[in-house]
């Protein structure tokens, strides 16, 4: 079997490989916002270990993490299609991020 299980097409931008054209496009938008001074500290594929009672349960890997320049608020962002938003593993990790780490994921 070849191709992606979600029928997305990988793309490379600035030497960085992205899992979909939509994710690559969002990266371009965020880079423009960073250059304009609207966001700061853009990170790609940041890993968040989720621990309960000192035991590693799983890890969540966010597509993008950055700070909004105006408020200093950290944003954890993921590019999701309507289909992947409904995936049970994603939904569980999203809930764990909020319940355990207090992080709300911004879906684009």
C-alpha atoms as a PDB file:
ATOM      1  CA  UNK A   1       0.000   0.000   0.000  1.00  0.00           C
ATOM      2  CA  UNK A   2       1.430   3.379  -0.933  1.00  0.00           C
ATOM      3  CA  UNK A   3       0.337   6.910  -0.112  1.00  0.00           C
ATOM      4  CA  UNK A   4      -0.960   8.501   3.051  1.00  0.00           C
ATOM      5  CA  UNK A   5      -3.698   6.951   5.134  1.00  0.00           C
ATOM      6  CA  UNK A   6      -5.421  10.370   5.281  1.00  0.00           C
ATOM      7  CA  UNK A   7      -4.842  11.069   1.566  1.00  0.00           C
ATOM      8  CA  UNK A   8      -2.682  14.104   2.321  1.00  0.00           C
ATOM      9  CA  UNK A   9       0.388  15.062   0.293  1.00  0.00           C
ATOM     10  CA  UNK A  10       3.721  15.730   1.992  1.00  0.00           C
ATOM     11  CA  UNK A  11       5.423  19.003   1.168  1.00  0.00           C
ATOM     12  CA  UNK A  12       8.814  20.578   1.939  1.00  0.00           C
ATOM     13  CA  UNK A  13       9.192  24.286   2.732  1.00  0.00           C
ATOM     14  CA  UNK A  14      12.427  25.987   3.855  1.00  0.00           C
ATOM     15  CA  UNK A  15      14.008  22.528   4.124  1.00  0.00           C
ATOM     16  CA  UNK A  16      11.300  21.381   6.553  1.00  0.00           C
ATOM     17  CA  UNK A  17       9.051  18.447   5.678  1.00  0.00           C
ATOM     18  CA  UNK A  18       5.336  18.733   6.493  1.00  0.00           C
ATOM     19  CA  UNK A  19       2.734  15.975   6.510  1.00  0.00           C
ATOM     20  CA  UNK A  20       0.283  17.961   4.382  1.00  0.00           C
ATOM     21  CA  UNK A  21       0.021  20.928   2.054  1.00  0.00           C
ATOM     22  CA  UNK A  22      -2.348  22.542   4.574  1.00  0.00           C
ATOM     23  CA  UNK A  23       0.262  22.240   7.353  1.00  0.00           C
ATOM     24  CA  UNK A  24       2.963  23.661   5.075  1.00  0.00           C
ATOM     25  CA  UNK A  25       0.731  26.585   4.143  1.00  0.00           C
ATOM     26  CA  UNK A  26       0.054  27.300   7.819  1.00  0.00           C
ATOM     27  CA  UNK A  27       3.807  27.274   8.489  1.00  0.00           C
ATOM     28  CA  UNK A  28       4.228  29.941   5.791  1.00  0.00           C
ATOM     29  CA  UNK A  29       1.506  32.057   7.406  1.00  0.00           C
ATOM     30  CA  UNK A  30       3.106  31.734  10.841  1.00  0.00           C
ATOM     31  CA  UNK A  31       6.540  32.677   9.481  1.00  0.00           C
ATOM     32  CA  UNK A  32       5.007  35.857   8.015  1.00  0.00           C
ATOM     33  CA  UNK A  33       3.363  36.643  11.361  1.00  0.00           C
ATOM     34  CA  UNK A  34       6.694  36.057  13.100  1.00  0.00           C
ATOM     35  CA  UNK A  35       8.513  38.408  10.711  1.00  0.00           C
ATOM     36  CA  UNK A  36       5.792  41.023  11.248  1.00  0.00           C
ATOM     37  CA  UNK A  37       6.327  40.780  15.025  1.00  0.00           C
ATOM     38  CA  UNK A  38       2.848  39.445  15.769  1.00  0.00           C
ATOM     39  CA  UNK A  39       4.094  36.100  17.106  1.00  0.00           C
ATOM     40  CA  UNK A  40       7.384  35.015  18.692  1.00  0.00           C
ATOM     41  CA  UNK A  41       9.349  31.843  19.456  1.00  0.00           C
ATOM     42  CA  UNK A  42       7.806  29.663  16.731  1.00  0.00           C
ATOM     43  CA  UNK A  43       8.558  25.973  17.364  1.00  0.00           C
ATOM     44  CA  UNK A  44       7.710  23.026  15.133  1.00  0.00           C
ATOM     45  CA  UNK A  45       6.726  19.538  16.256  1.00  0.00           C
ATOM     46  CA  UNK A  46       7.045  20.324  19.973  1.00  0.00           C
ATOM     47  CA  UNK A  47       6.633  17.272  22.171  1.00  0.00           C
ATOM     48  CA  UNK A  48       4.548  17.439  25.362  1.00  0.00           C
ATOM     49  CA  UNK A  49       5.016  14.425  27.665  1.00  0.00           C
ATOM     50  CA  UNK A  50       1.771  13.651  29.512  1.00  0.00           C
ATOM     51  CA  UNK A  51       2.395  12.161  32.939  1.00  0.00           C
ATOM     52  CA  UNK A  52      -0.133  10.980  35.487  1.00  0.00           C
ATOM     53  CA  UNK A  53       1.138  10.068  38.970  1.00  0.00           C
ATOM     54  CA  UNK A  54       4.712  10.419  37.677  1.00  0.00           C
ATOM     55  CA  UNK A  55       4.079   7.796  34.987  1.00  0.00           C
ATOM     56  CA  UNK A  56       4.463   8.686  31.320  1.00  0.00           C
ATOM     57  CA  UNK A  57       1.095   7.896  29.762  1.00  0.00           C
ATOM     58  CA  UNK A  58       1.764   9.269  26.286  1.00  0.00           C
ATOM     59  CA  UNK A  59       3.162  12.278  24.487  1.00  0.00           C
ATOM     60  CA  UNK A  60       1.421  14.844  22.346  1.00  0.00           C
ATOM     61  CA  UNK A  61       3.355  16.339  19.442  1.00  0.00           C
ATOM     62  CA  UNK A  62       1.980  19.724  18.419  1.00  0.00           C
ATOM     63  CA  UNK A  63       2.428  20.983  14.872  1.00  0.00           C
ATOM     64  CA  UNK A  64       3.265  24.513  16.058  1.00  0.00           C
ATOM     65  CA  UNK A  65       3.859  26.308  19.344  1.00  0.00           C
ATOM     66  CA  UNK A  66       4.408  30.068  19.581  1.00  0.00           C
ATOM     67  CA  UNK A  67       3.749  33.120  21.748  1.00  0.00           C
ATOM     68  CA  UNK A  68       1.386  35.889  20.730  1.00  0.00           C
ATOM     69  CA  UNK A  69       3.438  39.076  20.905  1.00  0.00           C
ATOM     70  CA  UNK A  70       0.581  41.264  22.152  1.00  0.00           C
ATOM     71  CA  UNK A  71      -0.384  39.092  25.133  1.00  0.00           C
ATOM     72  CA  UNK A  72       2.622  36.818  25.665  1.00  0.00           C
ATOM     73  CA  UNK A  73       0.196  33.887  25.672  1.00  0.00           C
ATOM     74  CA  UNK A  74       1.551  30.554  24.459  1.00  0.00           C
ATOM     75  CA  UNK A  75      -0.436  28.967  21.637  1.00  0.00           C
ATOM     76  CA  UNK A  76      -0.361  25.240  20.917  1.00  0.00           C
ATOM     77  CA  UNK A  77      -1.666  24.750  17.409  1.00  0.00           C
ATOM     78  CA  UNK A  78      -2.470  21.751  15.245  1.00  0.00           C
ATOM     79  CA  UNK A  79      -3.541  21.577  11.624  1.00  0.00           C
ATOM     80  CA  UNK A  80      -6.438  19.126  11.445  1.00  0.00           C
ATOM     81  CA  UNK A  81      -8.899  18.107   8.773  1.00  0.00           C
ATOM     82  CA  UNK A  82     -12.506  17.455   9.824  1.00  0.00           C
ATOM     83  CA  UNK A  83     -11.721  13.740   9.542  1.00  0.00           C
ATOM     84  CA  UNK A  84      -8.573  13.746  11.711  1.00  0.00           C
ATOM     85  CA  UNK A  85     -10.319  15.904  14.358  1.00  0.00           C
ATOM     86  CA  UNK A  86     -12.589  12.926  14.968  1.00  0.00           C
ATOM     87  CA  UNK A  87      -9.800  10.343  15.338  1.00  0.00           C
ATOM     88  CA  UNK A  88     -10.181   8.659  18.781  1.00  0.00           C
ATOM     89  CA  UNK A  89      -6.460   8.838  19.677  1.00  0.00           C
ATOM     90  CA  UNK A  90      -6.297  12.553  18.823  1.00  0.00           C
ATOM     91  CA  UNK A  91      -9.466  13.261  20.813  1.00  0.00           C
ATOM     92  CA  UNK A  92      -8.093  11.430  23.859  1.00  0.00           C
ATOM     93  CA  UNK A  93      -4.718  13.187  23.717  1.00  0.00           C
ATOM     94  CA  UNK A  94      -6.469  16.535  23.258  1.00  0.00           C
ATOM     95  CA  UNK A  95      -8.484  15.894  26.439  1.00  0.00           C
ATOM     96  CA  UNK A  96      -5.364  14.772  28.323  1.00  0.00           C
ATOM     97  CA  UNK A  97      -3.489  17.921  27.259  1.00  0.00           C
ATOM     98  CA  UNK A  98      -6.265  20.025  28.769  1.00  0.00           C
ATOM     99  CA  UNK A  99      -6.900  17.921  31.904  1.00  0.00           C
ATOM    100  CA  UNK A 100      -3.290  17.156  32.836  1.00  0.00           C
ATOM    101  CA  UNK A 101      -1.305  20.106  31.448  1.00  0.00           C
ATOM    102  CA  UNK A 102      -4.012  22.779  31.269  1.00  0.00           C
ATOM    103  CA  UNK A 103      -3.283  23.307  27.571  1.00  0.00           C
ATOM    104  CA  UNK A 104      -6.028  23.998  25.049  1.00  0.00           C
ATOM    105  CA  UNK A 105      -5.089  23.054  21.502  1.00  0.00           C
ATOM    106  CA  UNK A 106      -6.013  25.546  18.802  1.00  0.00           C
ATOM    107  CA  UNK A 107      -7.155  23.623  15.741  1.00  0.00           C
ATOM    108  CA  UNK A 108      -6.769  25.202  12.299  1.00  0.00           C
END
